[in-house]
Amino acid sequence: MSVAKDLEIPKPKDVIFPPGDLYSDEPPWETDLHLRQMILLIQCLEWW
């Protein structure tokens, strides 16, 4: 027997998750330009 099997971890029964479709008028976290810049940086670092 292992110790992990002997321990009983209580599982929360009343977990409430927020909805995933919340409205936000903030800009996207990563834009296409930012992605291209990051790819260029990584390629330059790999080349160096």
PDB file of N, CA and C in Angstrom:
ATOM      1  N   MET A   1       0.841  -1.199   0.000  1.00  0.00           N
ATOM      2  CA  MET A   1       0.000   0.000   0.000  1.00  0.00           C
ATOM      3  C   MET A   1       0.873   1.245   0.000  1.00  0.00           C
ATOM      4  N   SER A   2       0.400   2.230  -0.671  1.00  0.00           N
ATOM      5  CA  SER A   2       1.144   3.485  -0.688  1.00  0.00           C
ATOM      6  C   SER A   2       0.469   4.493   0.231  1.00  0.00           C
ATOM      7  N   VAL A   3       1.222   5.502   0.574  1.00  0.00           N
ATOM      8  CA  VAL A   3       0.701   6.538   1.460  1.00  0.00           C
ATOM      9  C   VAL A   3      -0.417   7.314   0.774  1.00  0.00           C
ATOM     10  N   ALA A   4      -0.286   7.496  -0.549  1.00  0.00           N
ATOM     11  CA  ALA A   4      -1.297   8.259  -1.280  1.00  0.00           C
ATOM     12  C   ALA A   4      -2.662   7.573  -1.236  1.00  0.00           C
ATOM     13  N   LYS A   5      -2.681   6.269  -1.228  1.00  0.00           N
ATOM     14  CA  LYS A   5      -3.958   5.559  -1.175  1.00  0.00           C
ATOM     15  C   LYS A   5      -4.582   5.639   0.216  1.00  0.00           C
ATOM     16  N   ASP A   6      -3.744   5.753   1.233  1.00  0.00           N
ATOM     17  CA  ASP A   6      -4.243   5.802   2.605  1.00  0.00           C
ATOM     18  C   ASP A   6      -4.856   7.151   2.960  1.00  0.00           C
ATOM     19  N   LEU A   7      -4.386   8.214   2.323  1.00  0.00           N
ATOM     20  CA  LEU A   7      -4.884   9.553   2.628  1.00  0.00           C
ATOM     21  C   LEU A   7      -6.165   9.833   1.857  1.00  0.00           C
ATOM     22  N   GLU A   8      -7.120  10.373   2.536  1.00  0.00           N
ATOM     23  CA  GLU A   8      -8.351  10.786   1.870  1.00  0.00           C
ATOM     24  C   GLU A   8      -8.364  12.302   1.786  1.00  0.00           C
ATOM     25  N   ILE A   9      -8.367  12.811   0.586  1.00  0.00           N
ATOM     26  CA  ILE A   9      -8.385  14.254   0.369  1.00  0.00           C
ATOM     27  C   ILE A   9      -9.832  14.677   0.154  1.00  0.00           C
ATOM     28  N   PRO A  10     -10.321  15.593   0.979  1.00  0.00           N
ATOM     29  CA  PRO A  10     -11.710  16.028   0.795  1.00  0.00           C
ATOM     30  C   PRO A  10     -11.879  16.788  -0.516  1.00  0.00           C
ATOM     31  N   LYS A  11     -12.906  16.461  -1.249  1.00  0.00           N
ATOM     32  CA  LYS A  11     -13.204  17.119  -2.522  1.00  0.00           C
ATOM     33  C   LYS A  11     -14.295  18.152  -2.301  1.00  0.00           C
ATOM     34  N   PRO A  12     -14.076  19.396  -2.740  1.00  0.00           N
ATOM     35  CA  PRO A  12     -15.112  20.410  -2.556  1.00  0.00           C
ATOM     36  C   PRO A  12     -16.344  20.077  -3.402  1.00  0.00           C
ATOM     37  N   LYS A  13     -17.495  20.204  -2.808  1.00  0.00           N
ATOM     38  CA  LYS A  13     -18.725  19.867  -3.509  1.00  0.00           C
ATOM     39  C   LYS A  13     -19.418  21.090  -4.093  1.00  0.00           C
ATOM     40  N   ASP A  14     -19.154  22.249  -3.536  1.00  0.00           N
ATOM     41  CA  ASP A  14     -19.851  23.456  -3.970  1.00  0.00           C
ATOM     42  C   ASP A  14     -18.914  24.414  -4.702  1.00  0.00           C
ATOM     43  N   VAL A  15     -18.173  23.890  -5.674  1.00  0.00           N
ATOM     44  CA  VAL A  15     -17.277  24.732  -6.459  1.00  0.00           C
ATOM     45  C   VAL A  15     -18.090  25.432  -7.535  1.00  0.00           C
ATOM     46  N   ILE A  16     -17.973  26.749  -7.587  1.00  0.00           N
ATOM     47  CA  ILE A  16     -18.706  27.538  -8.572  1.00  0.00           C
ATOM     48  C   ILE A  16     -17.690  28.180  -9.517  1.00  0.00           C
ATOM     49  N   PHE A  17     -17.764  27.844 -10.783  1.00  0.00           N
ATOM     50  CA  PHE A  17     -16.869  28.407 -11.782  1.00  0.00           C
ATOM     51  C   PHE A  17     -17.554  29.601 -12.449  1.00  0.00           C
ATOM     52  N   PRO A  18     -16.811  30.693 -12.701  1.00  0.00           N
ATOM     53  CA  PRO A  18     -17.411  31.837 -13.386  1.00  0.00           C
ATOM     54  C   PRO A  18     -17.680  31.491 -14.853  1.00  0.00           C
ATOM     55  N   PRO A  19     -18.614  32.176 -15.468  1.00  0.00           N
ATOM     56  CA  PRO A  19     -18.882  31.903 -16.884  1.00  0.00           C
ATOM     57  C   PRO A  19     -17.677  32.290 -17.738  1.00  0.00           C
ATOM     58  N   GLY A  20     -17.486  31.616 -18.841  1.00  0.00           N
ATOM     59  CA  GLY A  20     -16.341  31.874 -19.698  1.00  0.00           C
ATOM     60  C   GLY A  20     -16.599  32.907 -20.770  1.00  0.00           C
ATOM     61  N   ASP A  21     -17.829  33.388 -20.874  1.00  0.00           N
ATOM     62  CA  ASP A  21     -18.160  34.327 -21.946  1.00  0.00           C
ATOM     63  C   ASP A  21     -18.360  35.747 -21.409  1.00  0.00           C
ATOM     64  N   LEU A  22     -17.480  36.175 -20.515  1.00  0.00           N
ATOM     65  CA  LEU A  22     -17.586  37.512 -19.949  1.00  0.00           C
ATOM     66  C   LEU A  22     -17.184  38.552 -20.992  1.00  0.00           C
ATOM     67  N   TYR A  23     -17.899  39.667 -21.050  1.00  0.00           N
ATOM     68  CA  TYR A  23     -17.607  40.716 -22.006  1.00  0.00           C
ATOM     69  C   TYR A  23     -16.408  41.523 -21.536  1.00  0.00           C
ATOM     70  N   SER A  24     -15.517  41.825 -22.452  1.00  0.00           N
ATOM     71  CA  SER A  24     -14.357  42.652 -22.136  1.00  0.00           C
ATOM     72  C   SER A  24     -14.036  43.494 -23.362  1.00  0.00           C
ATOM     73  N   ASP A  25     -13.838  44.800 -23.155  1.00  0.00           N
ATOM     74  CA  ASP A  25     -13.468  45.660 -24.272  1.00  0.00           C
ATOM     75  C   ASP A  25     -11.967  45.959 -24.264  1.00  0.00           C
ATOM     76  N   GLU A  26     -11.200  45.121 -23.578  1.00  0.00           N
ATOM     77  CA  GLU A  26      -9.754  45.255 -23.579  1.00  0.00           C
ATOM     78  C   GLU A  26      -9.192  44.661 -24.872  1.00  0.00           C
ATOM     79  N   PRO A  27      -8.035  45.156 -25.306  1.00  0.00           N
ATOM     80  CA  PRO A  27      -7.430  44.566 -26.513  1.00  0.00           C
ATOM     81  C   PRO A  27      -6.982  43.141 -26.234  1.00  0.00           C
ATOM     82  N   PRO A  28      -6.864  42.326 -27.275  1.00  0.00           N
ATOM     83  CA  PRO A  28      -6.396  40.961 -27.071  1.00  0.00           C
ATOM     84  C   PRO A  28      -4.996  40.962 -26.445  1.00  0.00           C
ATOM     85  N   TRP A  29      -4.706  39.934 -25.677  1.00  0.00           N
ATOM     86  CA  TRP A  29      -3.432  39.889 -24.964  1.00  0.00           C
ATOM     87  C   TRP A  29      -2.262  39.827 -25.937  1.00  0.00           C
ATOM     88  N   GLU A  30      -2.390  39.048 -26.993  1.00  0.00           N
ATOM     89  CA  GLU A  30      -1.314  38.913 -27.956  1.00  0.00           C
ATOM     90  C   GLU A  30      -1.846  39.212 -29.345  1.00  0.00           C
ATOM     91  N   THR A  31      -1.358  40.259 -29.948  1.00  0.00           N
ATOM     92  CA  THR A  31      -1.796  40.627 -31.286  1.00  0.00           C
ATOM     93  C   THR A  31      -0.962  39.870 -32.316  1.00  0.00           C
ATOM     94  N   ASP A  32      -1.378  39.951 -33.580  1.00  0.00           N
ATOM     95  CA  ASP A  32      -0.643  39.308 -34.658  1.00  0.00           C
ATOM     96  C   ASP A  32       0.756  39.908 -34.785  1.00  0.00           C
ATOM     97  N   LEU A  33       0.850  41.226 -34.632  1.00  0.00           N
ATOM     98  CA  LEU A  33       2.156  41.886 -34.704  1.00  0.00           C
ATOM     99  C   LEU A  33       3.067  41.404 -33.582  1.00  0.00           C
ATOM    100  N   HIS A  34       2.533  41.285 -32.388  1.00  0.00           N
ATOM    101  CA  HIS A  34       3.340  40.816 -31.258  1.00  0.00           C
ATOM    102  C   HIS A  34       3.808  39.389 -31.491  1.00  0.00           C
ATOM    103  N   LEU A  35       2.947  38.542 -32.025  1.00  0.00           N
ATOM    104  CA  LEU A  35       3.317  37.165 -32.315  1.00  0.00           C
ATOM    105  C   LEU A  35       4.446  37.121 -33.337  1.00  0.00           C
ATOM    106  N   ARG A  36       4.349  37.928 -34.386  1.00  0.00           N
ATOM    107  CA  ARG A  36       5.405  37.964 -35.406  1.00  0.00           C
ATOM    108  C   ARG A  36       6.724  38.455 -34.818  1.00  0.00           C
ATOM    109  N   GLN A  37       6.658  39.431 -33.933  1.00  0.00           N
ATOM    110  CA  GLN A  37       7.869  39.936 -33.291  1.00  0.00           C
ATOM    111  C   GLN A  37       8.506  38.870 -32.405  1.00  0.00           C
ATOM    112  N   MET A  38       7.688  38.123 -31.698  1.00  0.00           N
ATOM    113  CA  MET A  38       8.215  37.072 -30.831  1.00  0.00           C
ATOM    114  C   MET A  38       8.855  35.950 -31.664  1.00  0.00           C
ATOM    115  N   ILE A  39       8.220  35.584 -32.770  1.00  0.00           N
ATOM    116  CA  ILE A  39       8.782  34.553 -33.647  1.00  0.00           C
ATOM    117  C   ILE A  39      10.111  35.021 -34.221  1.00  0.00           C
ATOM    118  N   LEU A  40      10.189  36.280 -34.653  1.00  0.00           N
ATOM    119  CA  LEU A  40      11.426  36.837 -35.181  1.00  0.00           C
ATOM    120  C   LEU A  40      12.524  36.826 -34.123  1.00  0.00           C
ATOM    121  N   LEU A  41      12.188  37.200 -32.897  1.00  0.00           N
ATOM    122  CA  LEU A  41      13.157  37.191 -31.804  1.00  0.00           C
ATOM    123  C   LEU A  41      13.693  35.786 -31.561  1.00  0.00           C
ATOM    124  N   ILE A  42      12.795  34.811 -31.513  1.00  0.00           N
ATOM    125  CA  ILE A  42      13.213  33.428 -31.259  1.00  0.00           C
ATOM    126  C   ILE A  42      14.091  32.918 -32.389  1.00  0.00           C
ATOM    127  N   GLN A  43      13.734  33.231 -33.638  1.00  0.00           N
ATOM    128  CA  GLN A  43      14.538  32.799 -34.779  1.00  0.00           C
ATOM    129  C   GLN A  43      15.923  33.440 -34.744  1.00  0.00           C
ATOM    130  N   CYS A  44      15.998  34.696 -34.379  1.00  0.00           N
ATOM    131  CA  CYS A  44      17.295  35.372 -34.290  1.00  0.00           C
ATOM    132  C   CYS A  44      18.151  34.780 -33.178  1.00  0.00           C
ATOM    133  N   LEU A  45      17.534  34.436 -32.055  1.00  0.00           N
ATOM    134  CA  LEU A  45      18.278  33.837 -30.957  1.00  0.00           C
ATOM    135  C   LEU A  45      18.775  32.433 -31.309  1.00  0.00           C
ATOM    136  N   GLU A  46      17.968  31.697 -32.060  1.00  0.00           N
ATOM    137  CA  GLU A  46      18.399  30.370 -32.485  1.00  0.00           C
ATOM    138  C   GLU A  46      19.547  30.464 -33.488  1.00  0.00           C
ATOM    139  N   TRP A  47      19.519  31.473 -34.334  1.00  0.00           N
ATOM    140  CA  TRP A  47      20.564  31.657 -35.352  1.00  0.00           C
ATOM    141  C   TRP A  47      21.865  32.085 -34.709  1.00  0.00           C
ATOM    142  N   TRP A  48      21.778  32.884 -33.657  1.00  0.00           N
ATOM    143  CA  TRP A  48      22.957  33.418 -32.986  1.00  0.00           C
ATOM    144  C   TRP A  48      23.568  32.332 -32.186  1.00  0.00           C
TER     145      TRP A  48
END
